[in-house]
Amino acid sequence: MNKSQIIKEAKKVLKIEIESVKTLSSSFNQSFYNVVKTIFETKGRIVVTGIGKSGHVANKISATLSSTGTPSQFVHPTEASHGDLGSITNSDCILAISNSGQSNELYDVINYAKRFNIPLLSISSNKKGLLYLKSDHAILFKKPIEACPLNLAPTSSTTMALIIGDAIGISLLKLRGFQKSHFSKFHPGGNLGKDLVKLTDVMHGKNELPLVNENTLMSKALLVMTNKSFGCVGVINNSKNLIGIITDGDLRRNMNKNIINKKASEVMTKKPKVVKEDTLVGEALNLMNSIKITSLFVCANTKPVGIVHVHDLLRLSS
C-alpha cells in the first residue's frame, strides 16, 4: 500500500466506525437507565469483566468509574474461575461486556452471580446470547460491521461498548454531583492532578503580599513593588478591601516626572481580576493566559489573602 491508499483506508475505518456509533441512540433507553440506577444504588464495588478486546474495554470502563466517584475494579474472567470470584461480594454488582454474549470464559462469572444473587448487568450485541438472557439488566447495541475488512477483528464493536461505558460513567458522575475539585482526590499524580490543586495550597500568603493603601505615594508603592518581586502591587482601602492594582503597564502609561508624587489610587487600574481561595491551578492558569497577566490576587470576598505568579503555576504543571 502506498501513502494515499493508507490514508484512504484510515478514512474508511473512521467512516465505518462512525456509522456504527450512530446506531447507539437506540441503546440509551429504559435498560440503560436500569443499569445506571442499579450501579448508583450498589453499596459495594462495580466489578467490570470481559475477555479479549472486551476485557481491555472493561478495564478502561472500570478505571473511568473509579476516577469519577464510583468504586470499581476489573476482574479477569479466567482468573475469576481460578479464585478471583472470591473478590466479589454480595454488596457488589457485576458489569460484563461481550460483543457475542456467548464467551465461554464468562460462564463461571454468570453462574456465580446467579448463585449468590449478585446483580448482573451487561453490554452486548446478541439478544440470544446467554449473557443477555441471564442479566438482570442488559444494554443491547446493534451488531455492527467491523472496520476490519474480514469483519472479524473487534473494532466497531469495541468502540461502541466503550462509548456505552463512558455514558454510564458520566451519568453516574452527574448523579453523584461529582465536581472538578473531587478529581484532585483521585488524580494526585500527573498533570491532571497538579492542575486540580487549589490555589490555597500554592499561593504566597499574607506576609508576602505586595499591598499599599490607596493614599500611599507612588514613591513608596514602587519600593513595595520592587521588594516583593511580583511585578505588581495591590491597592487597598482603609477597610482592607482590594480596590485596584498597579502593574508595569500602569507605570508605563503614567510615566512622567511627577509620578512619584501621585497617590496609588491615581495610577492604579480599578477593579482588578481576582480569584477565590478554592480556585484550581488549572483554572487560574487558563484565566491568566486569557487576559494576559502574570500575577493574580486571591481574595476572600474582597480582602486579599494570597497571590500567585504564573511561573509558580507553570512549574507545578510541568
Protein backbone atom coordinates (compact mmCIF):
# COMPACT_ATOMS: atom_id res chain seq x y z
CA MET A 1 0.00 0.00 0.00
CA ASN A 2 1.22 3.46 -0.85
CA LYS A 3 0.63 6.68 1.13
CA SER A 4 -2.69 7.57 -0.49
CA GLN A 5 -4.04 4.05 -0.04
CA ILE A 6 -3.13 4.01 3.65
CA ILE A 7 -4.85 7.35 4.22
CA LYS A 8 -7.86 6.16 2.25
CA GLU A 9 -8.06 3.03 4.40
CA ALA A 10 -7.86 5.07 7.59
CA LYS A 11 -10.74 7.26 6.45
CA LYS A 12 -12.72 4.14 5.57
CA VAL A 13 -12.21 2.80 9.10
CA LEU A 14 -13.36 6.13 10.51
CA LYS A 15 -16.48 6.15 8.34
CA ILE A 16 -17.42 2.57 9.27
CA GLU A 17 -16.99 3.18 13.00
CA ILE A 18 -18.90 6.48 12.89
CA GLU A 19 -21.81 4.77 11.14
CA SER A 20 -21.81 2.11 13.86
CA VAL A 21 -21.70 4.68 16.65
CA LYS A 22 -24.71 6.48 15.17
CA THR A 23 -26.86 3.44 15.90
CA LEU A 24 -26.17 3.72 19.65
CA SER A 25 -29.01 6.15 20.29
CA SER A 26 -31.43 3.23 20.46
CA SER A 27 -29.32 1.67 23.24
CA PHE A 28 -29.92 4.60 25.56
CA ASN A 29 -33.33 3.50 26.75
CA GLN A 30 -35.05 2.05 29.83
CA SER A 31 -32.47 -0.73 30.05
CA PHE A 32 -29.66 1.81 30.11
CA TYR A 33 -31.47 3.69 32.88
CA ASN A 34 -31.89 0.45 34.84
CA VAL A 35 -28.17 -0.30 34.60
CA VAL A 36 -27.19 3.19 35.76
CA LYS A 37 -29.74 3.09 38.59
CA THR A 38 -28.53 -0.32 39.77
CA ILE A 39 -24.92 0.82 39.80
CA PHE A 40 -25.84 4.03 41.61
CA GLU A 41 -27.66 2.08 44.32
CA THR A 42 -24.88 -0.50 44.74
CA LYS A 43 -23.30 -0.27 48.19
CA GLY A 44 -20.10 -2.08 47.24
CA ARG A 45 -17.94 -2.01 44.14
CA ILE A 46 -18.75 -2.36 40.47
CA VAL A 47 -16.93 -5.41 39.19
CA VAL A 48 -16.34 -4.99 35.45
CA THR A 49 -15.33 -8.02 33.41
CA GLY A 50 -14.78 -9.13 29.84
CA ILE A 51 -12.46 -11.32 27.78
CA GLY A 52 -10.16 -10.41 24.90
CA LYS A 53 -10.70 -6.95 23.41
CA SER A 54 -13.85 -6.59 25.51
CA GLY A 55 -11.64 -7.17 28.54
CA HIS A 56 -9.48 -4.20 27.61
CA VAL A 57 -12.60 -2.08 27.23
CA ALA A 58 -13.89 -3.36 30.57
CA ASN A 59 -10.62 -2.40 32.24
CA LYS A 60 -10.89 1.14 30.91
CA ILE A 61 -14.54 1.49 31.94
CA SER A 62 -13.65 0.30 35.43
CA ALA A 63 -10.89 2.91 35.64
CA THR A 64 -13.28 5.64 34.49
CA LEU A 65 -15.85 4.67 37.11
CA SER A 66 -13.28 4.63 39.92
CA SER A 67 -11.86 8.02 38.97
CA THR A 68 -15.28 9.67 38.87
CA GLY A 69 -16.69 8.58 42.20
CA THR A 70 -17.93 5.02 41.61
CA PRO A 71 -15.60 2.46 43.27
CA SER A 72 -14.84 -0.24 40.73
CA GLN A 73 -12.40 -2.99 39.88
CA PHE A 74 -11.67 -5.12 36.83
CA VAL A 75 -11.76 -8.89 37.30
CA HIS A 76 -10.42 -11.07 34.51
CA PRO A 77 -12.97 -13.84 33.89
CA THR A 78 -10.33 -16.57 33.56
CA GLU A 79 -8.70 -15.52 36.83
CA ALA A 80 -12.18 -15.37 38.33
CA SER A 81 -12.59 -19.07 37.59
CA HIS A 82 -9.38 -19.74 39.47
CA GLY A 83 -10.11 -17.96 42.73
CA ASP A 84 -10.80 -14.31 41.97
CA LEU A 85 -14.55 -14.87 42.25
CA GLY A 86 -13.82 -14.60 45.96
CA SER A 87 -13.20 -10.87 45.50
CA ILE A 88 -16.84 -10.33 44.52
CA THR A 89 -19.19 -9.79 47.47
CA ASN A 90 -22.95 -9.66 47.93
CA SER A 91 -22.80 -5.87 48.17
CA ASP A 92 -21.18 -5.59 44.72
CA CYS A 93 -22.67 -5.78 41.25
CA ILE A 94 -21.15 -7.17 38.06
CA LEU A 95 -20.97 -5.42 34.69
CA ALA A 96 -19.97 -7.91 31.98
CA ILE A 97 -19.01 -6.88 28.45
CA SER A 98 -19.12 -9.21 25.46
CA ASN A 99 -19.99 -8.47 21.86
CA SER A 100 -21.31 -12.00 21.25
CA GLY A 101 -22.61 -12.55 24.77
CA GLN A 102 -21.50 -16.15 24.36
CA SER A 103 -17.90 -16.11 25.59
CA ASN A 104 -17.27 -19.36 27.47
CA GLU A 105 -14.90 -17.60 29.85
CA LEU A 106 -17.83 -15.61 31.28
CA TYR A 107 -19.93 -18.63 32.24
CA ASP A 108 -18.45 -19.05 35.71
CA VAL A 109 -18.99 -15.35 36.44
CA ILE A 110 -22.61 -15.63 35.27
CA ASN A 111 -23.23 -18.71 37.39
CA TYR A 112 -21.61 -17.09 40.42
CA ALA A 113 -23.83 -14.04 40.07
CA LYS A 114 -26.96 -16.17 39.84
CA ARG A 115 -25.95 -18.47 42.69
CA PHE A 116 -25.25 -15.68 45.16
CA ASN A 117 -27.89 -13.23 43.95
CA ILE A 118 -25.38 -10.61 42.83
CA PRO A 119 -26.84 -8.14 40.30
CA LEU A 120 -25.59 -8.99 36.81
CA LEU A 121 -25.50 -6.18 34.25
CA SER A 122 -24.23 -6.48 30.72
CA ILE A 123 -23.31 -4.77 27.46
CA SER A 124 -23.57 -6.93 24.34
CA SER A 125 -24.98 -7.10 20.82
CA ASN A 126 -26.61 -10.53 20.98
CA LYS A 127 -30.17 -10.73 22.27
CA LYS A 128 -29.99 -14.53 22.11
CA GLY A 129 -26.69 -14.77 23.95
CA LEU A 130 -26.51 -16.37 27.39
CA LEU A 131 -25.11 -13.16 28.91
CA TYR A 132 -28.08 -11.10 27.74
CA LEU A 133 -30.61 -13.74 28.78
CA LYS A 134 -29.15 -14.15 32.29
CA SER A 135 -28.59 -10.46 33.00
CA ASP A 136 -30.80 -8.60 35.45
CA HIS A 137 -30.46 -5.55 33.23
CA ALA A 138 -28.80 -5.62 29.82
CA ILE A 139 -27.77 -2.88 27.40
CA LEU A 140 -28.03 -4.14 23.86
CA PHE A 141 -26.34 -2.45 20.90
CA LYS A 142 -26.89 -3.18 17.23
CA LYS A 143 -24.34 -5.69 15.96
CA PRO A 144 -22.06 -3.57 13.79
CA ILE A 145 -19.95 -4.10 10.72
CA GLU A 146 -16.39 -4.27 12.00
CA ALA A 147 -13.87 -1.92 10.40
CA CYS A 148 -11.70 -4.98 9.82
CA PRO A 149 -12.02 -5.94 6.09
CA LEU A 150 -12.62 -9.53 7.21
CA ASN A 151 -15.37 -8.32 9.56
CA LEU A 152 -13.65 -10.27 12.33
CA ALA A 153 -11.26 -8.15 14.43
CA PRO A 154 -13.22 -6.26 17.12
CA THR A 155 -13.12 -2.61 16.06
CA SER A 156 -16.54 -1.00 15.69
CA SER A 157 -17.96 -3.22 18.43
CA THR A 158 -15.31 -2.27 20.99
CA THR A 159 -15.75 1.41 20.15
CA MET A 160 -19.48 1.09 20.75
CA ALA A 161 -19.02 -0.74 24.06
CA LEU A 162 -16.53 1.89 25.18
CA ILE A 163 -18.95 4.73 24.41
CA ILE A 164 -21.70 2.98 26.34
CA GLY A 165 -19.31 2.63 29.27
CA ASP A 166 -18.43 6.31 29.08
CA ALA A 167 -22.12 7.21 29.01
CA ILE A 168 -22.67 5.12 32.15
CA GLY A 169 -19.71 6.77 33.87
CA ILE A 170 -20.73 10.34 33.03
CA SER A 171 -24.35 9.69 34.01
CA LEU A 172 -23.17 8.44 37.40
CA LEU A 173 -20.79 11.39 37.75
CA LYS A 174 -23.71 13.78 37.39
CA LEU A 175 -25.97 11.73 39.65
CA ARG A 176 -23.35 11.92 42.39
CA GLY A 177 -22.82 15.65 41.93
CA PHE A 178 -19.15 14.99 41.23
CA GLN A 179 -17.27 18.30 40.90
CA LYS A 180 -13.91 19.39 39.49
CA SER A 181 -12.44 19.67 42.95
CA HIS A 182 -13.19 15.99 43.63
CA PHE A 183 -10.78 14.95 40.86
CA SER A 184 -7.79 16.06 42.92
CA LYS A 185 -8.57 13.28 45.42
CA PHE A 186 -8.33 10.60 42.75
CA HIS A 187 -5.70 12.18 40.45
CA PRO A 188 -2.88 13.29 42.77
CA GLY A 189 -0.24 12.36 40.20
CA GLY A 190 0.43 13.68 36.72
CA ASN A 191 -0.52 16.97 35.12
CA LEU A 192 -4.23 16.49 35.74
CA GLY A 193 -3.68 16.14 39.47
CA LYS A 194 -1.39 19.12 39.55
CA ASP A 195 -3.85 21.33 37.69
CA LEU A 196 -6.51 20.36 40.20
CA VAL A 197 -4.58 21.56 43.24
CA LYS A 198 -6.30 24.51 44.91
CA LEU A 199 -4.59 27.90 44.95
CA THR A 200 -4.69 27.93 48.75
CA ASP A 201 -2.12 25.11 48.63
CA VAL A 202 0.36 27.01 46.46
CA MET A 203 -0.28 30.74 46.85
CA HIS A 204 2.04 33.19 48.60
CA GLY A 205 0.41 34.20 51.89
CA LYS A 206 -0.34 37.48 53.60
CA ASN A 207 3.22 38.25 54.71
CA GLU A 208 4.37 38.19 51.09
CA LEU A 209 1.56 40.27 49.62
CA PRO A 210 2.60 43.43 47.73
CA LEU A 211 0.00 45.83 49.15
CA VAL A 212 -0.26 49.58 49.69
CA ASN A 213 -3.04 51.88 50.84
CA GLU A 214 -4.86 53.93 48.22
CA ASN A 215 -3.37 57.13 49.70
CA THR A 216 0.19 55.82 49.62
CA LEU A 217 2.54 57.88 47.43
CA MET A 218 3.94 56.15 44.39
CA SER A 219 7.47 56.71 45.70
CA LYS A 220 6.71 54.16 48.42
CA ALA A 221 4.48 51.96 46.24
CA LEU A 222 7.37 51.50 43.80
CA LEU A 223 9.60 50.28 46.63
CA VAL A 224 6.98 47.72 47.74
CA MET A 225 6.51 46.60 44.15
CA THR A 226 10.27 46.13 43.74
CA ASN A 227 10.86 44.38 47.07
CA LYS A 228 8.01 41.86 46.68
CA SER A 229 9.08 40.88 43.13
CA PHE A 230 5.64 40.06 41.71
CA GLY A 231 5.70 42.80 39.09
CA CYS A 232 2.66 44.44 40.63
CA VAL A 233 1.29 45.97 43.80
CA GLY A 234 -2.27 45.70 45.10
CA VAL A 235 -4.09 48.79 46.31
CA ILE A 236 -6.39 48.52 49.34
CA ASN A 237 -8.70 50.99 51.06
CA ASN A 238 -8.97 51.63 54.78
CA SER A 239 -11.28 48.61 55.12
CA LYS A 240 -8.53 46.37 53.68
CA ASN A 241 -10.55 45.68 50.53
CA LEU A 242 -8.63 45.32 47.26
CA ILE A 243 -9.79 48.18 45.03
CA GLY A 244 -7.05 48.28 42.42
CA ILE A 245 -3.73 47.04 41.12
CA ILE A 246 -0.64 48.73 39.74
CA THR A 247 1.38 46.81 37.15
CA ASP A 248 4.33 47.58 34.91
CA GLY A 249 1.81 48.57 32.26
CA ASP A 250 0.18 51.11 34.57
CA LEU A 251 3.62 52.61 35.30
CA ARG A 252 4.39 52.99 31.60
CA ARG A 253 1.03 54.62 30.92
CA ASN A 254 1.51 57.12 33.73
CA MET A 255 5.25 57.65 33.42
CA ASN A 256 6.28 61.29 33.85
CA LYS A 257 8.43 63.29 36.28
CA ASN A 258 5.52 63.72 38.72
CA ILE A 259 4.56 60.04 39.05
CA ILE A 260 6.38 59.53 42.36
CA ASN A 261 4.28 62.26 43.94
CA LYS A 262 0.97 60.77 42.87
CA LYS A 263 -1.19 58.61 45.11
CA ALA A 264 -1.52 54.93 44.33
CA SER A 265 -5.23 55.46 43.64
CA GLU A 266 -4.35 57.86 40.80
CA VAL A 267 -2.23 55.30 38.95
CA MET A 268 -3.98 52.00 39.68
CA THR A 269 -6.26 50.01 37.45
CA LYS A 270 -9.59 49.77 39.26
CA LYS A 271 -11.46 46.53 39.93
CA PRO A 272 -8.65 44.09 39.13
CA LYS A 273 -9.39 40.49 38.24
CA VAL A 274 -9.17 38.30 41.34
CA VAL A 275 -9.97 34.67 42.18
CA LYS A 276 -11.39 32.83 45.17
CA GLU A 277 -9.42 30.60 47.53
CA ASP A 278 -10.91 27.37 46.14
CA THR A 279 -9.89 28.18 42.55
CA LEU A 280 -7.89 25.36 40.98
CA VAL A 281 -4.42 25.78 39.50
CA GLY A 282 -5.71 24.78 36.06
CA GLU A 283 -8.49 27.37 36.21
CA ALA A 284 -6.10 30.10 37.35
CA LEU A 285 -3.66 29.33 34.53
CA ASN A 286 -6.45 29.44 31.99
CA LEU A 287 -7.63 32.82 33.31
CA MET A 288 -4.13 34.32 33.39
CA ASN A 289 -3.43 33.18 29.85
CA SER A 290 -6.74 34.52 28.56
CA ILE A 291 -6.31 38.04 29.97
CA LYS A 292 -2.51 38.03 29.62
CA ILE A 293 -1.47 38.74 33.20
CA THR A 294 1.41 37.28 35.20
CA SER A 295 0.18 37.74 38.79
CA LEU A 296 -3.21 37.15 40.34
CA PHE A 297 -4.56 38.08 43.74
CA VAL A 298 -6.51 35.51 45.73
CA CYS A 299 -9.31 37.09 47.78
CA ALA A 300 -11.75 36.08 50.48
CA ASN A 301 -14.72 38.21 49.50
CA THR A 302 -12.82 41.41 48.57
CA LYS A 303 -9.92 41.08 51.01
CA PRO A 304 -6.60 39.79 49.59
CA VAL A 305 -5.30 36.66 51.30
CA GLY A 306 -2.74 35.49 48.76
CA ILE A 307 -1.10 35.99 45.40
CA VAL A 308 0.15 33.62 42.70
CA HIS A 309 2.61 34.22 39.89
CA VAL A 310 2.24 32.44 36.58
CA HIS A 311 5.75 30.96 36.94
CA ASP A 312 4.72 29.24 40.18
CA LEU A 313 1.78 27.60 38.44
CA LEU A 314 3.73 26.63 35.33
CA ARG A 315 6.39 24.94 37.46
CA LEU A 316 3.69 23.00 39.25
CA SER A 317 2.09 21.84 35.99
CA SER A 318 5.31 20.93 34.22
